[in-house]
Amino acid sequence: MDARVDTSRWNLFASGAVGLAALTIGCGPVIGAPEGDTDDPSDPTESTNPSDPSGPDPTQGECVEESDCSYGYSCINNFCQYDCYCGCGASPPPSSQLRCSEGPGYECYGDYDCAEDELCEYGSCQPDPDPDPIDCSAIPLRATSIELVFGSESDSPVRSLQFADVSPAPGVDLLVGRDVTIERVTDGANGEIVVDSPGEIFEFVAGDANGDGVVDIVTAQGDGSLRFWRGSDGELLDVGVVQTVGIARAVFIADRDADGVRDVYAHVDRDVFVLPTIEGVPLGEPVRLLEDRVDDVAPFDAKGDGEIELLFAEGGSLWVYRELQSPAPEVLYESSNLFSPIVVGDFSGDAEPDAAAFTDQNEQITLVGEIATTPGLAELSTPQTASAAGDIDGDGRADLVILEPEVGSVLVRFGADAGAPGEPRPPFRCDTRYAIEAVGSRIAVGDIDGDGRAELAVADGWRVILVRF
């Protein structure tokens, strides 16, 4: 018997079609008969009745009735033979590529009749739109968690986390903000206090804010001010540069107008301010860019020209604000249930930024390659609480990490190739869930040991758990 029935995802359809198999006996394509079998059901001299002693002996064949055969085969002359399922002359169901008629000859009856890079589409071989199989072999199989040790005995909860290259050691440092201090941890070693503020620190951002090539820190204080801490020889110095804007929910550093000078942005209530750097001094007079409409915001260099656009969520939709090109924001993805955070990273590996945002109704993420085009959608199988982007598996693409505190795990959606221009592929085609020894409320991703694979830091109350993959 030649049992070449195509069982690929392109050729399977409803199992109810099996009951129609008997209608095809004597018509339509019957292929794969066993070698040496010359039984002809139209020959009156040859009986197919098992009870007829002159007919074939059922004990010498494969079957007596349909249930003795595999799916897609009928019992014909006591042998399981391929049939056309749905009746000769009938149209195939939409989900089937099998031909069920006696029409003209077909180039193929299944993918096995075509070349490796082709699929059988209704009788003809067509190019496979996604010829490369999904390779998830590089995904880390397990994760280990360790609790970090800090120099202080503070019982204050962790308010913010960020990885930044503050010290000259290989890899990046983990910066942990709590109460009035920011502590630095290098490769899991004991932490040391690098910022001791005169007041509460609600949030902070690390980056080169004054253009000297050294990482600085801007803190959002509990009194509504922003304070600049200048990096110098591995230290962070309070140089007395302070600007009041209100209690900031988030701060970030980005180049506003592609002049090579980075500026500080602050998300305050539902407003967004920019505080320009002037002659090497950051935190200039604040300029309100967006007023009473921002639920979450992230910088996004869509064109790769160094000029920052702002992606923000408002009213459940995703918007973009090109400050220097248009006076009004434009909607990118219209919805009613999009919520924060917006996470930016090169998930597709095409050297262009992507942005992930979350909705609570369909549990989807919105991927924006170039923000001039319509966003694509990719399904998410879990709601999110906190999320971040970083290269977990070391393949050069950002991965999306989603904290799942209710089950004590993190879900990692691994980035994948973008595909050919005009034929984009899903950005996340492999994912793995890892158990962690923390409930968690805040996360950050960065390569703390410099091995090319990022680690995950999880804030759990006053503790910080470092997760290695």
Protein backbone atom coordinates (compact mmCIF):
# COMPACT_ATOMS: atom_id res chain seq x y z
CA MET A 1 0.00 0.00 0.00
CA ASP A 2 1.17 3.48 -0.84
CA ALA A 3 -0.15 5.57 2.08
CA ARG A 4 0.86 8.96 0.71
CA VAL A 5 -1.95 11.09 2.05
CA ASP A 6 -1.02 14.68 2.81
CA THR A 7 -1.72 15.43 6.47
CA SER A 8 -0.12 18.89 6.54
CA ARG A 9 -1.89 21.86 8.04
CA TRP A 10 -2.86 22.93 4.52
CA ASN A 11 -4.77 19.75 3.71
CA LEU A 12 -6.72 18.67 6.77
CA PHE A 13 -10.39 19.47 7.11
CA ALA A 14 -13.44 18.44 9.11
CA SER A 15 -13.48 14.80 10.15
CA GLY A 16 -17.13 14.59 9.20
CA ALA A 17 -16.03 14.17 5.61
CA VAL A 18 -14.92 10.60 6.37
CA GLY A 19 -18.52 9.42 6.35
CA LEU A 20 -18.80 10.53 2.72
CA ALA A 21 -15.89 8.39 1.63
CA ALA A 22 -18.12 5.56 0.44
CA LEU A 23 -19.67 7.88 -2.16
CA THR A 24 -16.37 8.03 -4.02
CA ILE A 25 -15.99 4.32 -4.72
CA GLY A 26 -15.78 3.76 -8.45
CA CYS A 27 -15.18 7.43 -9.38
CA GLY A 28 -12.70 10.23 -8.81
CA PRO A 29 -8.99 9.72 -8.21
CA VAL A 30 -8.10 6.39 -6.62
CA ILE A 31 -4.35 6.28 -6.15
CA GLY A 32 -1.91 4.19 -4.27
CA ALA A 33 -3.45 0.73 -4.87
CA PRO A 34 -1.19 -2.04 -3.59
CA GLU A 35 1.25 -3.49 -6.05
CA GLY A 36 -0.10 -6.55 -7.81
CA ASP A 37 -3.76 -5.79 -7.05
CA THR A 38 -5.74 -6.01 -10.31
CA ASP A 39 -9.24 -6.30 -8.89
CA ASP A 40 -11.69 -4.47 -11.15
CA PRO A 41 -15.03 -3.65 -9.48
CA SER A 42 -16.61 -3.19 -12.93
CA ASP A 43 -15.71 -6.75 -14.00
CA PRO A 44 -18.88 -8.87 -13.57
CA THR A 45 -16.79 -12.01 -13.36
CA GLU A 46 -15.09 -10.84 -10.23
CA SER A 47 -17.19 -10.57 -7.06
CA THR A 48 -16.52 -8.08 -4.25
CA ASN A 49 -18.92 -9.80 -1.83
CA PRO A 50 -16.94 -11.21 1.09
CA SER A 51 -19.53 -13.95 1.48
CA ASP A 52 -19.04 -15.11 -2.11
CA PRO A 53 -16.51 -17.93 -2.03
CA SER A 54 -15.41 -17.00 -5.53
CA GLY A 55 -14.56 -13.40 -4.44
CA PRO A 56 -11.48 -12.09 -2.62
CA ASP A 57 -10.75 -13.58 0.77
CA PRO A 58 -11.10 -10.75 3.35
CA THR A 59 -8.57 -12.46 5.60
CA GLN A 60 -5.96 -11.91 2.89
CA GLY A 61 -6.61 -8.17 2.59
CA GLU A 62 -6.33 -5.14 4.89
CA CYS A 63 -9.93 -4.32 5.68
CA VAL A 64 -13.55 -5.41 5.68
CA GLU A 65 -15.21 -2.04 6.40
CA GLU A 66 -14.34 1.67 6.39
CA SER A 67 -13.43 1.77 10.09
CA ASP A 68 -10.54 -0.62 9.40
CA CYS A 69 -8.76 2.06 7.33
CA SER A 70 -6.91 5.24 8.22
CA TYR A 71 -8.50 8.64 7.86
CA GLY A 72 -8.71 9.51 4.15
CA TYR A 73 -8.86 5.91 2.91
CA SER A 74 -11.80 3.70 1.97
CA CYS A 75 -12.05 -0.08 2.10
CA ILE A 76 -12.14 -1.05 -1.60
CA ASN A 77 -11.84 -4.75 -2.46
CA ASN A 78 -10.54 -5.41 1.05
CA PHE A 79 -7.70 -2.94 0.65
CA CYS A 80 -7.48 0.60 2.06
CA GLN A 81 -7.32 2.97 -0.88
CA TYR A 82 -7.17 6.74 -1.11
CA ASP A 83 -10.43 8.42 -2.11
CA CYS A 84 -11.66 11.96 -2.74
CA TYR A 85 -13.71 12.14 0.48
CA CYS A 86 -16.49 14.47 -0.46
CA GLY A 87 -18.16 12.82 -3.42
CA CYS A 88 -17.18 12.85 -7.05
CA GLY A 89 -17.85 16.15 -8.72
CA ALA A 90 -18.33 18.03 -5.44
CA SER A 91 -16.44 21.22 -4.63
CA PRO A 92 -13.79 20.89 -1.91
CA PRO A 93 -14.44 22.49 1.47
CA PRO A 94 -12.65 25.86 1.94
CA SER A 95 -10.14 24.38 4.38
CA SER A 96 -9.16 21.54 2.05
CA GLN A 97 -6.68 21.46 -0.79
CA LEU A 98 -7.85 18.00 -1.92
CA ARG A 99 -9.62 17.83 -5.26
CA CYS A 100 -13.00 16.04 -5.21
CA SER A 101 -13.92 16.00 -8.86
CA GLU A 102 -13.19 14.16 -12.08
CA GLY A 103 -12.14 17.35 -13.82
CA PRO A 104 -8.94 17.86 -15.80
CA GLY A 105 -5.67 16.51 -14.50
CA TYR A 106 -4.08 18.25 -11.54
CA GLU A 107 -0.41 19.10 -11.08
CA CYS A 108 -0.56 17.91 -7.48
CA TYR A 109 -2.83 16.27 -4.92
CA GLY A 110 -0.73 17.19 -1.89
CA ASP A 111 2.37 19.12 -0.82
CA TYR A 112 4.47 15.99 -1.38
CA ASP A 113 3.89 16.37 -5.15
CA CYS A 114 5.59 19.78 -5.15
CA ALA A 115 9.11 21.08 -4.63
CA GLU A 116 10.43 21.86 -1.13
CA ASP A 117 9.64 25.56 -1.39
CA GLU A 118 6.12 25.01 -2.79
CA LEU A 119 2.67 24.08 -1.48
CA CYS A 120 -0.15 22.31 -3.30
CA GLU A 121 -2.88 24.92 -3.78
CA TYR A 122 -6.06 23.51 -5.38
CA GLY A 123 -4.27 21.30 -7.85
CA SER A 124 -1.23 23.45 -8.71
CA CYS A 125 2.12 23.96 -7.00
CA GLN A 126 2.50 27.50 -5.63
CA PRO A 127 5.44 29.17 -3.83
CA ASP A 128 5.39 28.72 -0.05
CA PRO A 129 4.80 32.20 1.45
CA ASP A 130 6.78 31.21 4.56
CA PRO A 131 9.35 28.63 3.42
CA ASP A 132 11.59 28.81 6.46
CA PRO A 133 10.48 26.64 9.37
CA ILE A 134 10.27 28.21 12.78
CA ASP A 135 13.49 27.43 14.62
CA CYS A 136 13.12 27.74 18.38
CA SER A 137 16.20 25.67 19.22
CA ALA A 138 18.20 28.64 20.53
CA ILE A 139 15.65 29.51 23.20
CA PRO A 140 16.99 29.04 26.75
CA LEU A 141 15.33 26.06 28.40
CA ARG A 142 15.58 27.18 32.01
CA ALA A 143 16.21 30.17 34.24
CA THR A 144 17.91 30.52 37.60
CA SER A 145 17.02 33.14 40.20
CA ILE A 146 19.28 34.68 42.83
CA GLU A 147 18.53 37.36 45.39
CA LEU A 148 20.90 40.31 45.15
CA VAL A 149 22.80 41.57 48.19
CA PHE A 150 22.87 45.30 48.94
CA GLY A 151 25.21 47.44 50.99
CA SER A 152 22.39 49.15 52.87
CA GLU A 153 19.95 47.59 55.30
CA SER A 154 17.03 49.63 53.99
CA ASP A 155 13.54 48.23 54.40
CA SER A 156 12.19 50.66 51.81
CA PRO A 157 10.46 49.02 48.86
CA VAL A 158 12.05 49.15 45.43
CA ARG A 159 10.41 51.86 43.33
CA SER A 160 12.36 51.68 40.09
CA LEU A 161 14.92 49.58 38.25
CA GLN A 162 17.18 50.27 35.28
CA PHE A 163 20.28 48.80 33.67
CA ALA A 164 22.94 51.34 32.65
CA ASP A 165 26.68 51.36 32.02
CA VAL A 166 27.76 53.50 34.96
CA SER A 167 31.00 51.76 35.98
CA PRO A 168 34.01 50.83 33.76
CA ALA A 169 33.51 47.10 34.44
CA PRO A 170 32.32 44.81 31.57
CA GLY A 171 28.58 44.61 31.10
CA VAL A 172 26.10 47.06 32.52
CA ASP A 173 25.15 47.92 36.08
CA LEU A 174 21.79 47.41 37.71
CA LEU A 175 20.51 50.61 39.30
CA VAL A 176 17.92 50.18 42.06
CA GLY A 177 15.91 53.16 43.29
CA ARG A 178 14.26 53.11 46.71
CA ASP A 179 13.15 55.91 49.02
CA VAL A 180 16.00 58.48 48.87
CA THR A 181 18.81 56.34 47.38
CA ILE A 182 19.90 54.68 44.16
CA GLU A 183 22.15 51.65 44.56
CA ARG A 184 24.41 50.11 41.92
CA VAL A 185 24.95 46.37 41.53
CA THR A 186 27.60 44.95 39.19
CA ASP A 187 27.37 41.29 38.12
CA GLY A 188 25.49 40.18 41.22
CA ALA A 189 28.06 41.58 43.65
CA ASN A 190 27.20 43.65 46.70
CA GLY A 191 25.46 46.90 45.94
CA GLU A 192 26.72 50.37 46.76
CA ILE A 193 24.85 53.65 47.08
CA VAL A 194 25.64 55.99 44.19
CA VAL A 195 22.87 58.57 44.72
CA ASP A 196 21.77 59.84 48.14
CA SER A 197 19.03 62.37 47.54
CA PRO A 198 17.83 65.11 49.92
CA GLY A 199 14.24 63.93 49.27
CA GLU A 200 12.18 61.01 48.04
CA ILE A 201 12.98 59.59 44.59
CA PHE A 202 9.82 58.52 42.76
CA GLU A 203 11.47 57.62 39.44
CA PHE A 204 14.78 58.05 37.65
CA VAL A 205 16.45 57.64 34.27
CA ALA A 206 20.12 56.95 33.46
CA GLY A 207 21.75 58.21 30.26
CA ASP A 208 24.09 60.81 28.82
CA ALA A 209 22.05 63.96 29.45
CA ASN A 210 24.80 66.56 28.90
CA GLY A 211 26.60 65.11 25.88
CA ASP A 212 29.97 64.35 27.47
CA GLY A 213 29.78 60.61 26.76
CA VAL A 214 29.34 59.64 30.42
CA VAL A 215 26.15 58.23 31.93
CA ASP A 216 24.26 60.69 34.13
CA ILE A 217 21.08 60.29 36.20
CA VAL A 218 17.97 62.46 36.34
CA THR A 219 15.72 61.83 39.33
CA ALA A 220 12.03 62.67 39.67
CA GLN A 221 11.64 63.86 43.22
CA GLY A 222 8.66 63.67 45.54
CA ASP A 223 8.47 67.47 45.74
CA GLY A 224 7.74 67.72 41.98
CA SER A 225 11.25 68.62 40.89
CA LEU A 226 13.73 66.99 38.52
CA ARG A 227 17.34 66.83 39.72
CA PHE A 228 20.46 66.25 37.62
CA TRP A 229 23.29 63.99 38.84
CA ARG A 230 26.41 64.27 36.65
CA GLY A 231 28.48 61.17 35.96
CA SER A 232 32.20 61.51 36.62
CA ASP A 233 34.82 58.75 37.06
CA GLY A 234 32.23 56.16 38.13
CA GLU A 235 30.55 58.58 40.53
CA LEU A 236 27.33 60.57 40.28
CA LEU A 237 27.57 64.13 41.58
CA ASP A 238 24.73 66.42 42.61
CA VAL A 239 25.68 69.63 40.82
CA GLY A 240 22.60 71.55 41.91
CA VAL A 241 20.74 71.61 38.57
CA VAL A 242 17.06 71.39 39.50
CA GLN A 243 13.83 72.18 37.62
CA THR A 244 10.25 71.94 38.92
CA VAL A 245 7.56 70.44 36.66
CA GLY A 246 5.35 68.42 39.02
CA ILE A 247 5.57 64.82 40.21
CA ALA A 248 6.74 62.83 37.18
CA ARG A 249 5.35 59.40 36.42
CA ALA A 250 8.26 58.71 34.05
CA VAL A 251 11.37 60.42 32.70
CA PHE A 252 13.48 59.60 29.66
CA ILE A 253 16.41 61.06 27.71
CA ALA A 254 16.23 61.50 23.93
CA ASP A 255 17.42 63.80 21.14
CA ARG A 256 14.52 66.13 20.42
CA ASP A 257 15.67 67.61 17.10
CA ALA A 258 18.53 65.39 15.84
CA ASP A 259 21.18 67.98 16.72
CA GLY A 260 23.25 65.44 18.64
CA VAL A 261 22.27 66.92 21.99
CA ARG A 262 19.99 64.84 24.18
CA ASP A 263 17.17 66.37 26.18
CA VAL A 264 15.11 65.27 29.16
CA TYR A 265 11.40 64.44 28.85
CA ALA A 266 8.99 64.13 31.76
CA HIS A 267 5.53 62.55 31.89
CA VAL A 268 3.62 64.50 34.54
CA ASP A 269 -0.03 63.63 35.21
CA ARG A 270 -1.38 63.46 31.63
CA ASP A 271 1.08 66.01 30.23
CA VAL A 272 4.47 65.62 28.56
CA PHE A 273 7.24 68.20 29.00
CA VAL A 274 10.64 68.49 27.35
CA LEU A 275 13.49 70.14 29.26
CA PRO A 276 16.18 70.97 26.68
CA THR A 277 19.91 70.77 27.21
CA ILE A 278 21.46 74.18 26.57
CA GLU A 279 25.23 74.54 26.16
CA GLY A 280 25.84 71.25 27.93
CA VAL A 281 23.54 72.01 30.84
CA PRO A 282 20.43 69.80 31.00
CA LEU A 283 17.05 70.58 32.53
CA GLY A 284 16.42 73.87 30.80
CA GLU A 285 13.11 75.71 31.03
CA PRO A 286 10.33 73.10 30.56
CA VAL A 287 8.18 73.18 27.41
CA ARG A 288 4.79 71.44 27.50
CA LEU A 289 4.42 69.30 24.36
CA LEU A 290 1.19 67.42 25.12
CA GLU A 291 -1.46 68.49 27.56
CA ASP A 292 -4.07 66.43 29.40
CA ARG A 293 -4.17 63.49 26.98
CA VAL A 294 -1.29 61.08 27.70
CA ASP A 295 -1.81 57.79 29.55
CA ASP A 296 1.62 56.39 28.64
CA VAL A 297 4.44 57.62 26.39
CA ALA A 298 7.69 56.36 24.88
CA PRO A 299 10.32 57.91 22.57
CA PHE A 300 10.48 56.35 19.12
CA ASP A 301 12.98 57.13 16.33
CA ALA A 302 10.91 55.78 13.46
CA LYS A 303 13.08 56.96 10.57
CA GLY A 304 16.46 56.29 12.14
CA ASP A 305 17.49 59.91 11.65
CA GLY A 306 17.99 60.66 15.34
CA GLU A 307 14.88 62.82 15.53
CA ILE A 308 12.51 61.53 18.17
CA GLU A 309 8.79 61.05 17.73
CA LEU A 310 6.57 60.39 20.74
CA LEU A 311 4.33 57.34 20.85
CA PHE A 312 1.59 57.69 23.39
CA ALA A 313 -1.60 56.01 24.53
CA GLU A 314 -4.75 58.07 24.90
CA GLY A 315 -8.35 56.94 25.20
CA GLY A 316 -7.40 53.35 24.42
CA SER A 317 -5.72 54.23 21.10
CA LEU A 318 -2.09 54.54 20.01
CA TRP A 319 -0.95 57.96 18.75
CA VAL A 320 2.25 59.46 17.33
CA TYR A 321 3.40 63.05 17.78
CA ARG A 322 5.97 64.38 15.31
CA GLU A 323 6.67 67.60 17.15
CA LEU A 324 8.82 69.28 14.50
CA GLN A 325 6.74 68.12 11.52
CA SER A 326 3.14 68.52 12.56
CA PRO A 327 1.41 70.58 15.25
CA ALA A 328 -1.14 67.84 15.97
CA PRO A 329 -0.69 64.16 16.88
CA GLU A 330 -2.12 61.51 14.57
CA VAL A 331 -3.71 58.22 15.49
CA LEU A 332 -1.79 55.06 14.54
CA TYR A 333 -4.04 52.39 15.95
CA GLU A 334 -7.60 53.24 16.87
CA SER A 335 -9.07 51.24 19.70
CA SER A 336 -10.84 51.69 23.00
CA ASN A 337 -8.88 49.38 25.25
CA LEU A 338 -5.16 49.91 24.73
CA PHE A 339 -3.26 50.42 27.95
CA SER A 340 0.31 50.89 29.14
CA PRO A 341 3.15 50.26 29.04
CA ILE A 342 4.46 50.93 25.53
CA VAL A 343 7.66 48.94 25.04
CA VAL A 344 10.17 49.82 22.30
CA GLY A 345 12.79 47.48 20.82
CA ASP A 346 14.02 45.98 17.56
CA PHE A 347 12.01 42.77 17.84
CA SER A 348 12.24 41.90 14.13
CA GLY A 349 15.99 42.35 13.68
CA ASP A 350 15.70 44.76 10.75
CA ALA A 351 17.57 47.59 12.50
CA GLU A 352 14.34 49.59 12.74
CA PRO A 353 12.54 50.15 16.05
CA ASP A 354 9.30 48.37 16.84
CA ALA A 355 6.83 49.21 19.58
CA ALA A 356 4.63 46.85 21.56
CA ALA A 357 1.43 48.02 23.24
CA PHE A 358 -1.23 45.96 24.96
CA THR A 359 -5.00 45.70 24.82
CA ASP A 360 -7.14 44.04 27.46
CA GLN A 361 -10.01 42.87 25.24
CA ASN A 362 -8.36 40.67 22.64
CA GLU A 363 -5.04 40.33 24.45
CA GLN A 364 -3.08 41.59 21.48
CA ILE A 365 0.04 43.59 20.94
CA THR A 366 0.38 46.27 18.34
CA LEU A 367 3.61 46.20 16.38
CA VAL A 368 4.69 49.36 14.60
CA GLY A 369 7.62 48.94 12.23
CA GLU A 370 7.74 52.30 10.50
CA ILE A 371 5.12 54.54 12.02
CA ALA A 372 4.21 55.91 8.59
CA THR A 373 2.56 52.57 7.84
CA THR A 374 -0.44 50.85 9.36
CA PRO A 375 0.46 48.81 12.46
CA GLY A 376 0.28 45.06 12.33
CA LEU A 377 -1.20 42.88 15.05
CA ALA A 378 0.17 39.79 16.76
CA GLU A 379 -1.77 37.78 19.32
CA LEU A 380 -0.72 37.59 22.95
CA SER A 381 -1.83 34.69 25.10
CA THR A 382 -1.58 36.49 28.40
CA PRO A 383 -2.47 39.89 29.83
CA GLN A 384 0.43 41.98 31.02
CA THR A 385 1.34 43.82 34.19
CA ALA A 386 4.93 45.00 33.69
CA SER A 387 7.04 44.44 30.59
CA ALA A 388 10.43 45.29 29.11
CA ALA A 389 12.57 44.59 26.05
CA GLY A 390 16.04 43.03 25.86
CA ASP A 391 18.03 40.36 24.02
CA ILE A 392 17.53 37.28 26.20
CA ASP A 393 18.86 34.66 23.76
CA GLY A 394 21.73 36.70 22.29
CA ASP A 395 20.57 36.59 18.65
CA GLY A 396 20.73 40.35 18.14
CA ARG A 397 16.96 40.86 18.28
CA ALA A 398 15.07 42.31 21.20
CA ASP A 399 12.72 39.98 23.07
CA LEU A 400 9.58 41.01 24.91
CA VAL A 401 9.52 40.06 28.60
CA ILE A 402 6.15 40.11 30.39
CA LEU A 403 5.83 39.76 34.14
CA GLU A 404 3.14 37.37 35.42
CA PRO A 405 3.09 37.95 39.19
CA GLU A 406 -0.14 36.04 39.77
CA VAL A 407 1.55 32.77 38.77
CA GLY A 408 5.16 33.61 39.75
CA SER A 409 6.57 33.56 36.24
CA VAL A 410 7.75 35.64 33.31
CA LEU A 411 6.69 35.06 29.73
CA VAL A 412 9.37 35.75 27.12
CA ARG A 413 8.24 36.36 23.55
CA PHE A 414 11.35 35.92 21.40
CA GLY A 415 11.88 38.26 18.46
CA ALA A 416 12.03 36.83 14.94
CA ASP A 417 13.09 37.89 11.42
CA ALA A 418 10.93 40.53 9.83
CA GLY A 419 10.72 38.72 6.47
CA ALA A 420 10.96 40.20 2.99
CA PRO A 421 9.84 43.80 2.33
CA GLY A 422 6.10 43.87 1.81
CA GLU A 423 5.72 40.37 3.27
CA PRO A 424 6.26 40.85 7.01
CA ARG A 425 6.20 37.85 9.30
CA PRO A 426 4.82 37.68 12.81
CA PRO A 427 7.36 39.35 15.10
CA PHE A 428 7.10 36.77 17.89
CA ARG A 429 7.03 33.12 16.78
CA CYS A 430 8.59 31.41 19.80
CA ASP A 431 7.82 31.94 23.47
CA THR A 432 8.65 30.33 26.79
CA ARG A 433 7.34 30.81 30.31
CA TYR A 434 9.89 30.72 33.16
CA ALA A 435 9.12 30.27 36.85
CA ILE A 436 10.76 32.86 39.10
CA GLU A 437 11.14 33.08 42.86
CA ALA A 438 9.39 36.42 43.17
CA VAL A 439 5.92 37.91 42.96
CA GLY A 440 7.28 41.03 41.29
CA SER A 441 6.01 44.50 40.49
CA ARG A 442 8.76 46.12 38.36
CA ILE A 443 11.21 44.60 35.88
CA ALA A 444 14.26 45.64 33.86
CA VAL A 445 16.33 43.78 31.26
CA GLY A 446 20.08 44.17 30.64
CA ASP A 447 23.32 42.26 30.11
CA ILE A 448 24.91 42.58 33.53
CA ASP A 449 27.80 40.15 32.92
CA GLY A 450 28.67 41.16 29.34
CA ASP A 451 28.14 37.72 27.76
CA GLY A 452 25.76 38.96 25.05
CA ARG A 453 22.65 37.51 26.71
CA ALA A 454 20.51 39.78 28.86
CA GLU A 455 19.47 39.10 32.43
CA LEU A 456 16.19 40.07 34.07
CA ALA A 457 15.84 42.02 37.31
CA VAL A 458 12.55 41.73 39.21
CA ALA A 459 11.55 44.00 42.08
CA ASP A 460 9.68 42.08 44.77
CA GLY A 461 8.89 44.39 47.67
CA TRP A 462 12.23 45.41 49.17
CA ARG A 463 14.06 42.53 47.43
CA VAL A 464 15.54 42.36 43.93
CA ILE A 465 15.79 39.01 42.14
CA LEU A 466 18.25 38.58 39.27
CA VAL A 467 17.13 35.98 36.72
CA ARG A 468 19.73 34.38 34.42
CA PHE A 469 18.68 32.43 31.33
